[in-house]
Amino acid sequence: MTFHDSSPHLLPATTHSYLERSAGSLHEAITARDVPTRYACAHVSALRAAAALLAARARPAPRGRRQKNAWVLLAEVAPELTEWARFFAAGATKRAAAEAGSSRAVSEREADDLVRDADRFLAVVEQALGLMPHVPVDRSGVA
């Protein structure tokens, strides 16, 4: 796999699409009334932000190479985001349980924390892509 630097003016349309979808999932997380949905949507938001960066920087691996998940690829493509990649990779099992409808998969605090983390991560990715980061969400007035 090879990588290239990105310029905000030369970003692929897929990068912009993933960023929009990430913001949409973040909005869903913020407005979700139930805890599992809030957690799952926040995690999906982070995954889509990672996909945006990968769409901008990663190149397809040669045929026959084993596929890697987005978090492993993110750490390879953007080593400065390795901690974020590990953090979100660790939450994938909880997200799967939350998506399956488990009301005990995550606590309300975990869901709220993940919404804030996904929001921060989206801004970090936007900045890494040379874009103006969005204004982080103020959740103080959100139920």
N, C-alpha and C. Protein backbone atom coordinates (compact mmCIF):
# COMPACT_ATOMS: atom_id res chain seq x y z
N MET A 1 0.84 -1.16 0.00
CA MET A 1 0.00 0.00 0.00
C MET A 1 0.90 1.24 0.00
N THR A 2 0.55 2.20 -0.80
CA THR A 2 1.29 3.45 -0.80
C THR A 2 0.36 4.57 -0.37
N PHE A 3 0.96 5.67 0.05
CA PHE A 3 0.16 6.77 0.57
C PHE A 3 0.61 8.06 -0.10
N HIS A 4 -0.27 9.05 -0.09
CA HIS A 4 0.10 10.35 -0.61
C HIS A 4 -0.44 11.43 0.31
N ASP A 5 0.19 12.58 0.29
CA ASP A 5 -0.29 13.69 1.10
C ASP A 5 -1.54 14.25 0.47
N SER A 6 -2.39 14.79 1.32
CA SER A 6 -3.64 15.34 0.80
C SER A 6 -3.60 16.86 0.85
N SER A 7 -4.29 17.44 -0.06
CA SER A 7 -4.50 18.88 -0.10
C SER A 7 -6.00 19.08 -0.10
N PRO A 8 -6.51 20.06 0.67
CA PRO A 8 -7.96 20.22 0.74
C PRO A 8 -8.60 20.45 -0.62
N HIS A 9 -7.83 20.96 -1.57
CA HIS A 9 -8.39 21.23 -2.89
C HIS A 9 -8.38 20.02 -3.81
N LEU A 10 -7.63 19.00 -3.41
CA LEU A 10 -7.51 17.82 -4.25
C LEU A 10 -8.09 16.57 -3.61
N LEU A 11 -8.89 16.74 -2.58
CA LEU A 11 -9.47 15.59 -1.90
C LEU A 11 -10.51 14.90 -2.78
N PRO A 12 -10.52 13.58 -2.79
CA PRO A 12 -11.51 12.86 -3.59
C PRO A 12 -12.93 13.12 -3.08
N ALA A 13 -13.87 13.01 -3.96
CA ALA A 13 -15.28 13.20 -3.59
C ALA A 13 -15.69 12.22 -2.50
N THR A 14 -15.12 11.01 -2.51
CA THR A 14 -15.47 10.04 -1.48
C THR A 14 -15.07 10.52 -0.09
N THR A 15 -13.97 11.26 -0.01
CA THR A 15 -13.55 11.81 1.28
C THR A 15 -14.61 12.76 1.81
N HIS A 16 -15.07 13.67 0.96
CA HIS A 16 -16.10 14.61 1.37
C HIS A 16 -17.40 13.89 1.73
N SER A 17 -17.72 12.87 0.98
CA SER A 17 -18.93 12.09 1.25
C SER A 17 -18.84 11.41 2.62
N TYR A 18 -17.71 10.80 2.92
CA TYR A 18 -17.54 10.15 4.23
C TYR A 18 -17.59 11.18 5.36
N LEU A 19 -17.03 12.35 5.15
CA LEU A 19 -17.09 13.39 6.18
C LEU A 19 -18.53 13.81 6.44
N GLU A 20 -19.30 13.97 5.38
CA GLU A 20 -20.72 14.32 5.54
C GLU A 20 -21.47 13.21 6.26
N ARG A 21 -21.20 11.98 5.89
CA ARG A 21 -21.87 10.85 6.53
C ARG A 21 -21.45 10.72 7.99
N SER A 22 -20.19 11.03 8.29
CA SER A 22 -19.71 11.02 9.66
C SER A 22 -20.47 12.06 10.49
N ALA A 23 -20.59 13.26 9.94
CA ALA A 23 -21.33 14.32 10.63
C ALA A 23 -22.80 13.92 10.82
N GLY A 24 -23.38 13.26 9.84
CA GLY A 24 -24.76 12.79 9.95
C GLY A 24 -24.92 11.76 11.06
N SER A 25 -23.99 10.82 11.14
CA SER A 25 -24.04 9.81 12.20
C SER A 25 -23.83 10.45 13.57
N LEU A 26 -22.98 11.46 13.62
CA LEU A 26 -22.76 12.17 14.87
C LEU A 26 -24.05 12.87 15.31
N HIS A 27 -24.73 13.48 14.36
CA HIS A 27 -26.01 14.13 14.67
C HIS A 27 -27.02 13.10 15.18
N GLU A 28 -27.05 11.93 14.53
CA GLU A 28 -27.96 10.86 14.98
C GLU A 28 -27.62 10.45 16.42
N ALA A 29 -26.33 10.36 16.72
CA ALA A 29 -25.90 9.98 18.06
C ALA A 29 -26.36 11.02 19.09
N ILE A 30 -26.20 12.27 18.74
CA ILE A 30 -26.55 13.35 19.66
C ILE A 30 -28.05 13.38 19.94
N THR A 31 -28.84 13.10 18.93
CA THR A 31 -30.30 13.19 19.08
C THR A 31 -30.95 11.86 19.48
N ALA A 32 -30.19 10.78 19.52
CA ALA A 32 -30.75 9.48 19.89
C ALA A 32 -31.23 9.49 21.32
N ARG A 33 -32.40 8.95 21.52
CA ARG A 33 -32.97 8.90 22.87
C ARG A 33 -32.48 7.69 23.66
N ASP A 34 -32.16 6.61 22.96
CA ASP A 34 -31.72 5.42 23.71
C ASP A 34 -30.21 5.27 23.66
N VAL A 35 -29.67 4.76 24.74
CA VAL A 35 -28.23 4.68 24.96
C VAL A 35 -27.52 3.80 23.91
N PRO A 36 -28.01 2.58 23.62
CA PRO A 36 -27.29 1.76 22.63
C PRO A 36 -27.20 2.44 21.26
N THR A 37 -28.27 3.11 20.83
CA THR A 37 -28.24 3.80 19.54
C THR A 37 -27.25 4.95 19.57
N ARG A 38 -27.22 5.69 20.67
CA ARG A 38 -26.28 6.81 20.81
C ARG A 38 -24.85 6.31 20.67
N TYR A 39 -24.53 5.21 21.36
CA TYR A 39 -23.18 4.65 21.30
C TYR A 39 -22.85 4.17 19.89
N ALA A 40 -23.76 3.39 19.31
CA ALA A 40 -23.51 2.82 17.99
C ALA A 40 -23.34 3.91 16.94
N CYS A 41 -24.19 4.92 16.96
CA CYS A 41 -24.08 6.00 15.97
C CYS A 41 -22.80 6.80 16.15
N ALA A 42 -22.38 7.01 17.39
CA ALA A 42 -21.11 7.72 17.63
C ALA A 42 -19.94 6.92 17.09
N HIS A 43 -19.97 5.61 17.29
CA HIS A 43 -18.88 4.76 16.81
C HIS A 43 -18.86 4.74 15.28
N VAL A 44 -20.02 4.67 14.67
CA VAL A 44 -20.11 4.70 13.20
C VAL A 44 -19.61 6.04 12.67
N SER A 45 -19.91 7.12 13.39
CA SER A 45 -19.40 8.43 12.99
C SER A 45 -17.88 8.42 12.93
N ALA A 46 -17.25 7.87 13.96
CA ALA A 46 -15.79 7.79 13.99
C ALA A 46 -15.27 6.92 12.85
N LEU A 47 -15.94 5.81 12.60
CA LEU A 47 -15.53 4.91 11.52
C LEU A 47 -15.60 5.62 10.17
N ARG A 48 -16.64 6.40 9.96
CA ARG A 48 -16.78 7.14 8.71
C ARG A 48 -15.73 8.25 8.59
N ALA A 49 -15.38 8.86 9.70
CA ALA A 49 -14.30 9.86 9.67
C ALA A 49 -12.98 9.19 9.29
N ALA A 50 -12.73 8.01 9.85
CA ALA A 50 -11.53 7.26 9.49
C ALA A 50 -11.55 6.91 8.00
N ALA A 51 -12.72 6.49 7.51
CA ALA A 51 -12.85 6.15 6.09
C ALA A 51 -12.56 7.37 5.21
N ALA A 52 -12.94 8.55 5.66
CA ALA A 52 -12.65 9.77 4.90
C ALA A 52 -11.16 9.98 4.75
N LEU A 53 -10.43 9.78 5.83
CA LEU A 53 -8.99 9.95 5.77
C LEU A 53 -8.35 8.87 4.90
N LEU A 54 -8.84 7.66 5.04
CA LEU A 54 -8.31 6.57 4.22
C LEU A 54 -8.59 6.80 2.74
N ALA A 55 -9.76 7.33 2.42
CA ALA A 55 -10.08 7.62 1.01
C ALA A 55 -9.13 8.67 0.45
N ALA A 56 -8.67 9.56 1.29
CA ALA A 56 -7.77 10.62 0.83
C ALA A 56 -6.32 10.16 0.73
N ARG A 57 -5.90 9.27 1.61
CA ARG A 57 -4.47 8.96 1.70
C ARG A 57 -4.06 7.55 1.28
N ALA A 58 -4.92 6.58 1.43
CA ALA A 58 -4.53 5.19 1.18
C ALA A 58 -4.66 4.83 -0.29
N ARG A 59 -3.87 3.90 -0.70
CA ARG A 59 -3.94 3.34 -2.04
C ARG A 59 -4.23 1.85 -1.89
N PRO A 60 -4.95 1.27 -2.84
CA PRO A 60 -5.28 -0.16 -2.74
C PRO A 60 -4.04 -1.03 -2.61
N ALA A 61 -4.16 -2.05 -1.79
CA ALA A 61 -3.07 -3.01 -1.63
C ALA A 61 -3.03 -3.91 -2.87
N PRO A 62 -1.87 -4.44 -3.18
CA PRO A 62 -1.78 -5.38 -4.30
C PRO A 62 -2.72 -6.57 -4.07
N ARG A 63 -3.20 -7.15 -5.16
CA ARG A 63 -4.11 -8.31 -5.07
C ARG A 63 -3.44 -9.43 -4.28
N GLY A 64 -4.29 -10.16 -3.56
CA GLY A 64 -3.78 -11.30 -2.81
C GLY A 64 -3.38 -10.96 -1.38
N ARG A 65 -3.26 -9.69 -1.07
CA ARG A 65 -2.93 -9.29 0.29
C ARG A 65 -4.17 -9.38 1.17
N ARG A 66 -3.95 -9.76 2.41
CA ARG A 66 -5.05 -9.89 3.36
C ARG A 66 -5.64 -8.51 3.65
N GLN A 67 -6.97 -8.45 3.68
CA GLN A 67 -7.67 -7.21 4.01
C GLN A 67 -7.42 -6.85 5.47
N LYS A 68 -7.30 -5.56 5.75
CA LYS A 68 -7.13 -5.08 7.12
C LYS A 68 -8.34 -4.22 7.46
N ASN A 69 -8.67 -4.17 8.74
CA ASN A 69 -9.80 -3.32 9.11
C ASN A 69 -9.39 -1.85 9.09
N ALA A 70 -10.38 -0.99 9.12
CA ALA A 70 -10.15 0.45 8.99
C ALA A 70 -9.23 1.00 10.07
N TRP A 71 -9.34 0.48 11.28
CA TRP A 71 -8.52 1.01 12.38
C TRP A 71 -7.06 0.64 12.20
N VAL A 72 -6.77 -0.57 11.72
CA VAL A 72 -5.39 -0.97 11.44
C VAL A 72 -4.83 -0.11 10.32
N LEU A 73 -5.61 0.06 9.26
CA LEU A 73 -5.18 0.90 8.14
C LEU A 73 -4.95 2.35 8.56
N LEU A 74 -5.84 2.86 9.40
CA LEU A 74 -5.69 4.24 9.85
C LEU A 74 -4.36 4.44 10.56
N ALA A 75 -3.99 3.51 11.42
CA ALA A 75 -2.71 3.61 12.14
C ALA A 75 -1.53 3.56 11.18
N GLU A 76 -1.67 2.82 10.08
CA GLU A 76 -0.60 2.76 9.08
C GLU A 76 -0.52 4.04 8.25
N VAL A 77 -1.68 4.54 7.85
CA VAL A 77 -1.75 5.71 6.97
C VAL A 77 -1.45 7.00 7.73
N ALA A 78 -1.91 7.06 8.97
CA ALA A 78 -1.74 8.27 9.79
C ALA A 78 -1.25 7.84 11.17
N PRO A 79 0.04 7.56 11.29
CA PRO A 79 0.59 7.09 12.58
C PRO A 79 0.28 8.02 13.75
N GLU A 80 0.11 9.30 13.45
CA GLU A 80 -0.21 10.25 14.51
C GLU A 80 -1.60 10.01 15.11
N LEU A 81 -2.41 9.19 14.44
CA LEU A 81 -3.75 8.87 14.92
C LEU A 81 -3.86 7.45 15.49
N THR A 82 -2.71 6.83 15.76
CA THR A 82 -2.69 5.46 16.26
C THR A 82 -3.49 5.30 17.56
N GLU A 83 -3.35 6.24 18.48
CA GLU A 83 -4.09 6.13 19.74
C GLU A 83 -5.59 6.17 19.50
N TRP A 84 -6.02 7.06 18.60
CA TRP A 84 -7.44 7.11 18.25
C TRP A 84 -7.88 5.79 17.65
N ALA A 85 -7.07 5.25 16.75
CA ALA A 85 -7.42 3.98 16.09
C ALA A 85 -7.58 2.87 17.12
N ARG A 86 -6.65 2.78 18.05
CA ARG A 86 -6.74 1.75 19.08
C ARG A 86 -7.98 1.95 19.95
N PHE A 87 -8.24 3.19 20.30
CA PHE A 87 -9.40 3.50 21.14
C PHE A 87 -10.70 3.05 20.47
N PHE A 88 -10.90 3.44 19.23
CA PHE A 88 -12.14 3.08 18.55
C PHE A 88 -12.20 1.60 18.20
N ALA A 89 -11.06 0.99 17.89
CA ALA A 89 -11.05 -0.45 17.63
C ALA A 89 -11.50 -1.22 18.87
N ALA A 90 -11.11 -0.73 20.05
CA ALA A 90 -11.48 -1.39 21.29
C ALA A 90 -12.99 -1.31 21.55
N GLY A 91 -13.66 -0.33 20.97
CA GLY A 91 -15.10 -0.18 21.17
C GLY A 91 -15.96 -0.91 20.16
N ALA A 92 -15.34 -1.59 19.21
CA ALA A 92 -16.11 -2.24 18.14
C ALA A 92 -17.04 -3.34 18.67
N THR A 93 -16.59 -4.10 19.65
CA THR A 93 -17.42 -5.18 20.20
C THR A 93 -18.64 -4.60 20.91
N LYS A 94 -18.43 -3.52 21.66
CA LYS A 94 -19.55 -2.87 22.34
C LYS A 94 -20.53 -2.31 21.31
N ARG A 95 -20.00 -1.75 20.23
CA ARG A 95 -20.88 -1.22 19.19
C ARG A 95 -21.74 -2.34 18.60
N ALA A 96 -21.12 -3.48 18.33
CA ALA A 96 -21.87 -4.61 17.77
C ALA A 96 -22.98 -5.05 18.72
N ALA A 97 -22.68 -5.10 20.01
CA ALA A 97 -23.69 -5.48 20.99
C ALA A 97 -24.80 -4.43 21.05
N ALA A 98 -24.42 -3.16 21.00
CA ALA A 98 -25.41 -2.08 21.01
C ALA A 98 -26.29 -2.14 19.77
N GLU A 99 -25.69 -2.39 18.62
CA GLU A 99 -26.46 -2.50 17.38
C GLU A 99 -27.40 -3.70 17.41
N ALA A 100 -27.01 -4.73 18.15
CA ALA A 100 -27.86 -5.93 18.27
C ALA A 100 -29.01 -5.71 19.26
N GLY A 101 -29.01 -4.53 19.88
CA GLY A 101 -30.12 -4.19 20.77
C GLY A 101 -29.89 -4.46 22.24
N SER A 102 -28.67 -4.81 22.60
CA SER A 102 -28.37 -5.07 24.01
C SER A 102 -28.45 -3.77 24.81
N SER A 103 -29.36 -3.73 25.76
CA SER A 103 -29.49 -2.52 26.58
C SER A 103 -28.43 -2.49 27.67
N ARG A 104 -27.71 -3.59 27.87
CA ARG A 104 -26.65 -3.63 28.88
C ARG A 104 -25.26 -3.53 28.26
N ALA A 105 -25.19 -3.32 26.97
CA ALA A 105 -23.89 -3.29 26.28
C ALA A 105 -23.03 -2.11 26.74
N VAL A 106 -23.67 -0.96 26.92
CA VAL A 106 -22.94 0.25 27.32
C VAL A 106 -23.78 1.06 28.29
N SER A 107 -23.07 1.82 29.11
CA SER A 107 -23.76 2.69 30.05
C SER A 107 -24.04 4.04 29.38
N GLU A 108 -24.90 4.82 29.99
CA GLU A 108 -25.20 6.14 29.45
C GLU A 108 -23.94 7.00 29.42
N ARG A 109 -23.13 6.89 30.45
CA ARG A 109 -21.88 7.66 30.51
C ARG A 109 -20.94 7.27 29.37
N GLU A 110 -20.82 5.95 29.10
CA GLU A 110 -19.97 5.50 28.00
C GLU A 110 -20.48 6.05 26.67
N ALA A 111 -21.78 6.04 26.48
CA ALA A 111 -22.35 6.55 25.23
C ALA A 111 -22.09 8.04 25.09
N ASP A 112 -22.32 8.79 26.16
CA ASP A 112 -22.08 10.24 26.10
C ASP A 112 -20.62 10.55 25.86
N ASP A 113 -19.73 9.81 26.54
CA ASP A 113 -18.29 10.01 26.34
C ASP A 113 -17.89 9.70 24.90
N LEU A 114 -18.47 8.64 24.34
CA LEU A 114 -18.11 8.28 22.96
C LEU A 114 -18.62 9.33 21.97
N VAL A 115 -19.76 9.92 22.23
CA VAL A 115 -20.25 11.00 21.36
C VAL A 115 -19.23 12.14 21.36
N ARG A 116 -18.78 12.54 22.54
CA ARG A 116 -17.77 13.62 22.62
C ARG A 116 -16.47 13.21 21.91
N ASP A 117 -16.04 11.96 22.12
CA ASP A 117 -14.81 11.49 21.49
C ASP A 117 -14.94 11.43 19.97
N ALA A 118 -16.08 10.96 19.47
CA ALA A 118 -16.30 10.91 18.02
C ALA A 118 -16.32 12.32 17.43
N ASP A 119 -16.91 13.24 18.15
CA ASP A 119 -16.96 14.64 17.72
C ASP A 119 -15.53 15.20 17.62
N ARG A 120 -14.73 14.96 18.65
CA ARG A 120 -13.34 15.42 18.65
C ARG A 120 -12.55 14.76 17.51
N PHE A 121 -12.77 13.46 17.34
CA PHE A 121 -12.04 12.72 16.31
C PHE A 121 -12.38 13.25 14.92
N LEU A 122 -13.63 13.56 14.66
CA LEU A 122 -14.01 14.12 13.36
C LEU A 122 -13.25 15.42 13.11
N ALA A 123 -13.13 16.26 14.12
CA ALA A 123 -12.38 17.52 13.98
C ALA A 123 -10.89 17.25 13.71
N VAL A 124 -10.35 16.25 14.38
CA VAL A 124 -8.93 15.88 14.17
C VAL A 124 -8.72 15.42 12.73
N VAL A 125 -9.63 14.60 12.22
CA VAL A 125 -9.52 14.11 10.84
C VAL A 125 -9.66 15.27 9.86
N GLU A 126 -10.62 16.14 10.08
CA GLU A 126 -10.78 17.30 9.19
C GLU A 126 -9.50 18.12 9.14
N GLN A 127 -8.91 18.34 10.29
CA GLN A 127 -7.66 19.11 10.35
C GLN A 127 -6.53 18.36 9.64
N ALA A 128 -6.45 17.05 9.83
CA ALA A 128 -5.42 16.23 9.18
C ALA A 128 -5.55 16.30 7.65
N LEU A 129 -6.77 16.51 7.18
CA LEU A 129 -7.03 16.61 5.74
C LEU A 129 -6.83 18.03 5.21
N GLY A 130 -6.46 18.95 6.09
CA GLY A 130 -6.24 20.32 5.67
C GLY A 130 -7.51 21.13 5.59
N LEU A 131 -8.57 20.64 6.20
CA LEU A 131 -9.85 21.33 6.19
C LEU A 131 -10.03 22.09 7.50
N MET A 132 -10.91 23.06 7.49
CA MET A 132 -11.25 23.76 8.71
C MET A 132 -12.10 22.80 9.56
N PRO A 133 -11.66 22.49 10.78
CA PRO A 133 -12.45 21.59 11.61
C PRO A 133 -13.81 22.20 11.97
N HIS A 134 -14.82 21.36 12.05
CA HIS A 134 -16.14 21.82 12.46
C HIS A 134 -16.07 22.28 13.92
N VAL A 135 -17.02 23.05 14.32
CA VAL A 135 -17.11 23.48 15.71
C VAL A 135 -17.66 22.30 16.51
N PRO A 136 -16.93 21.85 17.54
CA PRO A 136 -17.41 20.71 18.33
C PRO A 136 -18.79 21.00 18.91
N VAL A 137 -19.55 19.95 19.05
CA VAL A 137 -20.92 20.04 19.52
C VAL A 137 -20.94 20.35 21.01
N ASP A 138 -21.80 21.27 21.40
CA ASP A 138 -22.02 21.55 22.82
C ASP A 138 -23.22 20.72 23.24
N ARG A 139 -22.94 19.69 24.03
CA ARG A 139 -24.00 18.77 24.44
C ARG A 139 -24.69 19.21 25.72
N SER A 140 -24.32 20.37 26.29
CA SER A 140 -24.88 20.76 27.58
C SER A 140 -26.41 20.92 27.52
N GLY A 141 -26.93 21.33 26.37
CA GLY A 141 -28.38 21.52 26.27
C GLY A 141 -29.10 20.36 25.63
N VAL A 142 -28.40 19.28 25.36
CA VAL A 142 -29.01 18.14 24.67
C VAL A 142 -29.38 17.07 25.67
N ALA A 143 -30.59 16.56 25.57
CA ALA A 143 -31.03 15.49 26.49
C ALA A 143 -30.62 14.14 25.97
